[in-house]
N, C-alpha and C. Protein backbone atom coordinates (compact mmCIF):
# COMPACT_ATOMS: atom_id res chain seq x y z
N UNK A 1 156.17 74.50 169.86
CA UNK A 1 155.72 73.26 169.44
C UNK A 1 154.21 73.00 170.68
N UNK A 2 154.27 73.77 171.34
CA UNK A 2 153.07 73.23 172.12
C UNK A 2 151.75 74.33 171.95
N UNK A 3 152.26 75.35 170.99
CA UNK A 3 151.30 76.39 170.99
C UNK A 3 150.83 75.90 169.51
N UNK A 4 151.72 75.00 168.24
CA UNK A 4 151.14 74.93 167.16
C UNK A 4 150.16 73.78 167.40
N UNK A 5 149.52 72.45 168.99
CA UNK A 5 149.75 71.79 168.86
C UNK A 5 148.67 72.40 169.82
N UNK A 6 148.11 73.31 170.68
CA UNK A 6 146.87 74.26 170.65
C UNK A 6 145.89 74.53 169.48
N UNK A 7 147.12 75.17 168.54
CA UNK A 7 146.03 75.86 167.70
C UNK A 7 145.61 74.82 166.95
N UNK A 8 146.11 73.10 166.73
CA UNK A 8 145.47 72.68 165.92
C UNK A 8 144.30 72.49 166.15
N UNK A 9 144.41 71.57 167.96
CA UNK A 9 143.44 70.72 168.21
C UNK A 9 142.38 72.14 168.46
N UNK A 10 142.29 73.19 169.06
CA UNK A 10 141.51 74.55 168.69
C UNK A 10 140.93 74.36 167.92
N UNK A 11 140.81 74.35 166.64
CA UNK A 11 140.34 74.42 165.52
C UNK A 11 138.78 73.99 165.79
N UNK A 12 137.90 74.91 164.11
CA UNK A 12 136.38 75.04 164.06
C UNK A 12 136.01 72.62 164.39
N UNK A 13 137.16 72.56 163.35
CA UNK A 13 137.06 71.45 162.40
C UNK A 13 137.53 70.13 162.96
N UNK A 14 138.55 70.72 163.80
CA UNK A 14 139.00 69.37 164.70
C UNK A 14 137.79 69.06 166.27
N UNK A 15 137.40 70.14 166.79
CA UNK A 15 136.63 69.91 167.66
C UNK A 15 135.00 69.69 167.10
N UNK A 16 134.89 69.59 165.58
CA UNK A 16 133.30 68.86 165.53
C UNK A 16 134.15 67.34 164.68
N UNK A 17 134.36 67.45 164.92
CA UNK A 17 134.73 65.42 164.06
C UNK A 17 135.02 64.89 165.65
N UNK A 18 135.79 65.75 166.64
CA UNK A 18 135.31 64.97 167.75
C UNK A 18 134.58 64.69 168.76
N UNK A 19 133.23 65.29 168.49
CA UNK A 19 131.86 64.97 169.22
C UNK A 19 131.39 64.12 167.99
N UNK A 20 131.74 64.62 166.57
CA UNK A 20 130.60 63.35 165.74
C UNK A 20 131.22 62.17 165.70
N UNK A 21 132.31 61.80 166.59
CA UNK A 21 132.52 60.90 166.57
C UNK A 21 132.35 60.08 167.83
N UNK A 22 132.32 60.69 169.44
CA UNK A 22 131.19 60.52 170.49
C UNK A 22 130.74 60.41 169.78
N UNK A 23 129.62 60.79 168.68
CA UNK A 23 127.63 60.86 168.68
C UNK A 23 127.46 59.72 168.13
N UNK A 24 128.35 59.54 167.32
CA UNK A 24 128.71 57.89 166.38
C UNK A 24 128.97 56.93 167.27
N UNK A 25 129.90 56.98 168.10
CA UNK A 25 129.95 55.53 169.21
C UNK A 25 128.82 55.76 170.49
N UNK A 26 128.09 56.15 170.72
CA UNK A 26 126.53 56.53 171.50
C UNK A 26 125.55 55.89 170.79
N UNK A 27 125.66 56.98 169.64
CA UNK A 27 124.54 55.92 168.19
C UNK A 27 124.33 54.56 168.22
N UNK A 28 125.95 53.95 168.24
CA UNK A 28 126.04 52.96 167.87
C UNK A 28 125.82 51.99 168.39
N UNK A 29 125.26 52.30 169.92
CA UNK A 29 125.10 51.48 171.14
C UNK A 29 123.63 51.74 170.89
N UNK A 30 123.26 52.55 170.45
CA UNK A 30 121.45 52.21 170.01
C UNK A 30 120.89 51.24 169.31
N UNK A 31 121.97 51.51 168.35
CA UNK A 31 121.13 50.68 166.51
C UNK A 31 121.53 49.81 167.05
N UNK A 32 122.82 49.00 167.95
CA UNK A 32 123.08 47.50 168.15
C UNK A 32 122.50 46.75 168.77
N UNK A 33 121.69 47.76 170.00
CA UNK A 33 120.13 47.84 170.65
C UNK A 33 118.80 47.11 170.09
N UNK A 34 118.88 47.96 168.90
CA UNK A 34 117.91 48.18 168.18
C UNK A 34 117.87 46.69 167.34
N UNK A 35 118.42 46.48 166.58
CA UNK A 35 119.45 45.45 165.53
C UNK A 35 119.30 43.97 166.36
N UNK A 36 120.02 43.83 167.62
CA UNK A 36 119.84 42.66 168.55
C UNK A 36 118.38 42.30 169.41
N UNK A 37 118.03 43.82 170.14
CA UNK A 37 117.41 42.92 170.68
C UNK A 37 115.28 43.59 170.03
N UNK A 38 115.32 44.33 168.88
CA UNK A 38 114.06 44.11 168.80
C UNK A 38 114.01 43.77 167.02
N UNK A 39 114.97 44.07 166.14
CA UNK A 39 114.34 43.18 165.02
C UNK A 39 115.00 41.52 164.86
N UNK A 40 116.25 41.52 165.31
CA UNK A 40 116.27 39.95 165.10
C UNK A 40 114.96 39.08 165.88
N UNK A 41 114.73 39.93 166.98
CA UNK A 41 113.56 38.71 167.79
C UNK A 41 112.07 39.08 166.67
N UNK A 42 111.61 40.19 165.63
CA UNK A 42 111.28 39.58 165.08
C UNK A 42 111.02 38.97 164.06
N UNK A 43 112.62 38.69 163.73
CA UNK A 43 112.93 38.14 162.08
C UNK A 43 113.03 36.48 162.67
N UNK A 44 113.36 36.07 163.96
CA UNK A 44 113.07 35.01 164.53
C UNK A 44 111.59 34.95 164.73
N UNK A 45 110.60 35.39 164.96
CA UNK A 45 109.28 35.06 165.74
C UNK A 45 108.81 34.74 163.98
N UNK A 46 109.11 35.54 162.67
CA UNK A 46 108.43 34.89 161.68
C UNK A 46 109.39 34.31 160.57
N UNK A 47 110.42 33.74 160.45
CA UNK A 47 111.18 32.88 159.72
C UNK A 47 111.80 31.76 160.54
N UNK A 48 112.91 31.95 161.59
CA UNK A 48 112.75 31.66 162.32
C UNK A 48 114.17 32.16 163.15
N UNK A 49 115.11 31.37 163.37
CA UNK A 49 116.14 31.73 163.49
C UNK A 49 117.11 32.16 162.41
N UNK A 50 117.44 34.18 163.37
CA UNK A 50 118.31 34.57 162.41
C UNK A 50 119.33 34.70 162.74
N UNK A 51 120.12 33.28 163.16
CA UNK A 51 121.58 32.85 163.41
C UNK A 51 122.18 32.46 162.44
N UNK A 52 122.74 32.76 161.92
CA UNK A 52 123.34 31.70 160.17
C UNK A 52 125.24 30.90 160.97
N UNK A 53 125.42 31.40 161.70
CA UNK A 53 126.51 31.06 162.67
C UNK A 53 126.72 29.77 162.45
N UNK A 54 126.18 29.13 161.96
CA UNK A 54 126.17 27.36 161.83
C UNK A 54 126.58 27.22 160.70
N UNK A 55 126.20 27.71 159.76
CA UNK A 55 126.36 27.50 158.32
C UNK A 55 127.69 27.73 157.95
N UNK A 56 128.44 26.10 157.59
CA UNK A 56 129.78 26.30 157.58
C UNK A 56 130.63 24.94 155.98
N UNK A 57 131.26 25.93 155.37
CA UNK A 57 131.61 25.24 153.38
C UNK A 57 133.10 24.76 154.86
N UNK A 58 132.85 23.00 153.84
CA UNK A 58 134.08 22.36 154.45
C UNK A 58 134.51 22.29 153.15
N UNK A 59 136.14 22.78 152.71
CA UNK A 59 136.30 22.94 151.48
C UNK A 59 137.69 21.67 151.91
N UNK A 60 137.71 20.47 151.46
CA UNK A 60 138.79 19.61 151.75
C UNK A 60 139.11 19.68 152.75
N UNK A 61 140.43 19.94 153.66
CA UNK A 61 140.12 20.05 155.86
C UNK A 61 139.96 20.74 156.34
N UNK A 62 139.66 22.52 155.43
CA UNK A 62 139.36 24.22 155.73
C UNK A 62 137.72 23.80 156.04
N UNK A 63 137.57 24.78 156.77
CA UNK A 63 136.22 24.86 157.48
C UNK A 63 136.03 26.77 156.83
N UNK A 64 135.72 26.69 156.13
CA UNK A 64 135.55 28.04 155.94
C UNK A 64 133.88 28.60 156.19
N UNK A 65 133.64 29.91 157.83
CA UNK A 65 132.97 30.06 158.59
C UNK A 65 131.81 31.14 157.86
N UNK A 66 130.79 30.22 156.83
CA UNK A 66 130.19 31.62 155.76
C UNK A 66 128.88 31.61 156.73
N UNK A 67 128.74 31.87 157.15
CA UNK A 67 127.57 32.53 158.77
C UNK A 67 128.08 33.25 159.02
N UNK A 68 128.81 33.32 159.36
CA UNK A 68 129.50 34.58 160.22
C UNK A 68 129.51 35.92 159.84
N UNK A 69 129.62 35.67 158.36
CA UNK A 69 129.78 36.21 156.88
C UNK A 69 128.19 36.94 156.88
N UNK A 70 127.01 36.01 156.58
CA UNK A 70 126.03 36.17 156.62
C UNK A 70 125.84 37.26 157.21
N UNK A 71 126.22 36.75 158.68
CA UNK A 71 125.36 37.29 160.01
C UNK A 71 125.71 38.57 159.88
N UNK A 72 127.00 38.97 159.75
CA UNK A 72 127.17 40.87 159.33
C UNK A 72 127.38 41.09 158.17
N UNK A 73 127.05 40.79 157.04
CA UNK A 73 126.10 41.48 156.13
C UNK A 73 124.89 41.66 156.45
N UNK A 74 124.31 40.84 156.68
CA UNK A 74 122.93 41.03 157.34
C UNK A 74 122.45 42.42 158.58
N UNK A 75 123.26 42.27 160.03
CA UNK A 75 123.66 43.71 160.37
C UNK A 75 124.02 44.53 160.07
N UNK A 76 124.83 44.60 158.68
CA UNK A 76 124.99 45.33 158.03
C UNK A 76 124.21 46.04 157.32
N UNK A 77 123.34 45.69 156.87
CA UNK A 77 122.32 45.85 155.57
C UNK A 77 121.03 46.79 156.73
N UNK A 78 121.02 45.99 158.02
CA UNK A 78 119.82 46.19 158.59
C UNK A 78 120.36 47.94 159.27
N UNK A 79 121.50 47.69 159.68
CA UNK A 79 122.03 49.35 159.95
C UNK A 79 122.08 50.51 159.29
N UNK A 80 122.48 50.25 158.12
CA UNK A 80 122.26 51.38 156.87
C UNK A 80 120.60 51.65 156.85
N UNK A 81 120.02 50.62 157.18
CA UNK A 81 118.76 50.73 156.10
C UNK A 81 117.67 51.86 157.71
N UNK A 82 117.90 51.35 158.75
CA UNK A 82 117.50 52.34 159.78
C UNK A 82 118.31 53.87 160.36
N UNK A 83 119.80 53.67 159.96
CA UNK A 83 120.32 55.29 159.56
C UNK A 83 119.95 56.20 158.67
N UNK A 84 119.41 55.44 157.96
CA UNK A 84 118.82 56.26 156.28
C UNK A 84 117.31 56.39 156.60
N UNK A 85 116.83 55.18 157.15
CA UNK A 85 115.52 55.62 157.45
C UNK A 85 115.19 56.92 158.84
N UNK A 86 115.58 56.59 159.58
CA UNK A 86 115.65 56.75 161.07
C UNK A 86 116.85 58.68 160.79
N UNK A 87 117.66 58.32 160.07
CA UNK A 87 117.95 59.47 160.29
C UNK A 87 118.77 60.71 159.26
N UNK A 88 118.94 60.09 158.64
CA UNK A 88 119.46 61.00 156.89
C UNK A 88 117.74 61.14 156.30
N UNK A 89 117.17 60.39 155.80
CA UNK A 89 115.29 60.81 155.43
C UNK A 89 115.11 62.00 156.14
N UNK A 90 114.76 61.79 157.65
CA UNK A 90 114.10 63.30 157.58
C UNK A 90 114.69 64.08 157.92
N UNK A 91 116.54 64.09 157.72
CA UNK A 91 116.95 65.84 158.35
C UNK A 91 116.69 66.18 156.19
N UNK A 92 117.01 64.96 155.72
CA UNK A 92 116.84 65.93 154.07
C UNK A 92 115.83 66.62 154.42
N UNK A 93 114.53 65.87 154.07
CA UNK A 93 113.00 66.19 154.46
C UNK A 93 113.61 67.90 155.02
N UNK A 94 113.40 67.43 156.12
CA UNK A 94 113.35 69.41 157.10
C UNK A 94 114.33 70.31 156.42
N UNK A 95 115.24 69.84 155.93
CA UNK A 95 116.36 71.11 154.98
C UNK A 95 115.52 71.40 153.85
N UNK A 96 114.74 70.56 153.42
CA UNK A 96 114.80 70.73 151.73
C UNK A 96 113.84 72.09 152.75
N UNK A 97 112.56 71.77 153.99
CA UNK A 97 111.64 72.78 153.45
C UNK A 97 111.82 74.12 154.23
N UNK A 98 113.48 74.17 155.24
CA UNK A 98 113.67 75.16 155.85
C UNK A 98 114.82 76.05 155.23
N UNK A 99 115.39 75.49 153.61
CA UNK A 99 116.18 76.30 152.87
C UNK A 99 115.71 76.18 151.53
N UNK A 100 115.46 78.15 151.48
CA UNK A 100 114.66 77.81 149.97
C UNK A 100 116.05 77.64 149.33
N UNK A 101 115.57 77.31 147.98
CA UNK A 101 116.75 77.54 146.98
C UNK A 101 116.94 78.91 146.33
N UNK A 102 117.99 79.10 146.10
CA UNK A 102 118.68 79.95 145.91
C UNK A 102 118.13 80.29 143.97
N UNK A 103 117.65 81.51 143.83
CA UNK A 103 116.89 81.71 142.98
C UNK A 103 118.56 82.35 141.76
N UNK A 104 118.46 81.67 140.19
CA UNK A 104 119.33 81.54 139.36
C UNK A 104 120.00 83.07 139.13
N UNK A 105 120.60 83.10 138.60
CA UNK A 105 121.14 84.44 138.55
C UNK A 105 120.33 84.80 137.00
N UNK A 106 120.18 85.85 136.48
CA UNK A 106 119.19 85.78 135.53
C UNK A 106 120.64 86.71 134.85
N UNK A 107 120.46 85.94 133.24
CA UNK A 107 121.23 85.78 131.90
C UNK A 107 121.09 86.11 131.09
N UNK A 108 121.66 87.05 129.74
CA UNK A 108 121.26 87.62 128.42
C UNK A 108 122.45 86.94 127.88
N UNK A 109 122.46 86.96 125.84
CA UNK A 109 122.87 86.16 125.24
C UNK A 109 123.43 87.48 124.83
N UNK A 110 125.63 87.75 124.67
CA UNK A 110 126.00 88.80 123.79
C UNK A 110 125.24 88.67 122.15
N UNK A 111 124.78 89.64 121.53
CA UNK A 111 124.39 89.20 119.79
C UNK A 111 125.78 88.99 119.14
N UNK A 112 127.17 89.42 119.80
CA UNK A 112 128.11 89.38 119.17
C UNK A 112 128.69 87.69 119.20
N UNK A 113 129.17 87.17 120.45
CA UNK A 113 129.97 86.19 120.35
C UNK A 113 128.57 85.45 121.09
N UNK A 114 127.59 85.47 121.07
CA UNK A 114 126.13 84.44 121.69
C UNK A 114 126.99 83.71 123.23
N UNK A 115 127.68 84.13 124.26
CA UNK A 115 128.48 83.55 124.99
C UNK A 115 127.12 84.03 126.47
N UNK A 116 126.58 83.19 127.61
CA UNK A 116 126.21 84.36 128.54
C UNK A 116 127.21 84.96 129.40
N UNK A 117 125.65 86.23 129.59
CA UNK A 117 126.38 87.31 130.47
C UNK A 117 125.13 87.23 131.65
N UNK A 118 125.70 88.49 132.46
CA UNK A 118 125.11 88.46 133.30
C UNK A 118 123.87 89.75 132.75
N UNK A 119 122.64 89.56 133.75
CA UNK A 119 121.71 90.76 132.78
C UNK A 119 122.10 92.27 133.12
N UNK A 120 122.74 92.49 134.23
CA UNK A 120 123.28 93.38 134.15
C UNK A 120 124.08 95.07 133.42
N UNK A 121 125.43 93.39 132.68
CA UNK A 121 126.00 93.96 132.29
C UNK A 121 126.34 94.36 131.14
N UNK A 122 126.99 95.64 130.73
CA UNK A 122 127.11 96.55 129.64
C UNK A 122 128.07 96.24 128.72
N UNK A 123 129.02 95.59 129.05
CA UNK A 123 129.69 95.17 127.93
C UNK A 123 130.38 93.32 128.20
N UNK A 124 130.24 92.52 127.49
CA UNK A 124 130.39 91.45 127.02
C UNK A 124 131.95 91.24 127.61
N UNK A 125 131.71 89.64 128.69
CA UNK A 125 133.49 89.58 129.35
C UNK A 125 133.63 88.80 128.95
N UNK A 126 133.46 88.31 127.23
CA UNK A 126 134.18 87.51 126.49
C UNK A 126 134.62 88.50 125.23
N UNK A 127 133.59 89.23 124.78
CA UNK A 127 134.15 89.50 123.48
C UNK A 127 134.29 91.13 123.48
N UNK A 128 133.70 91.87 125.40
CA UNK A 128 134.43 93.14 125.44
C UNK A 128 133.41 93.74 124.24
N UNK A 129 132.42 93.86 123.82
CA UNK A 129 131.72 93.73 122.79
C UNK A 129 130.32 94.61 123.81
N UNK A 130 129.77 96.39 123.44
CA UNK A 130 128.56 96.96 124.01
C UNK A 130 127.35 96.01 123.64
N UNK A 131 126.65 95.79 125.03
CA UNK A 131 125.33 95.46 125.31
C UNK A 131 124.56 95.88 125.55
N UNK A 132 123.34 95.92 124.53
CA UNK A 132 121.66 96.19 125.48
C UNK A 132 120.86 95.66 126.16
């Protein structure tokens, strides 16, 4: 029983996932500090108080705190933009510069059945006709 558990835990993808979760939690603290301590004060300096927590809809005797929802949506959009422009876009650019695209396999057309076959083929894989 413990051997199977040990094998499961020591798989490479489980360890990679654990590392990703730990790094994600650490990065969450950085992004939260950036949003709360840098971006929100900048927005408050230009637009006013960026907190919509006081916006409440009163429907009958119910109170819908729509301002808290707006705050969560704005924080999410800011975090998504920071992650995309600070991590995803630079990594995609770096990856496109470092990894050379694979050359497509050269193909030719079979004169008998008009299917595409590799350039080095001597017979068509579809109709078995000899190809020059």
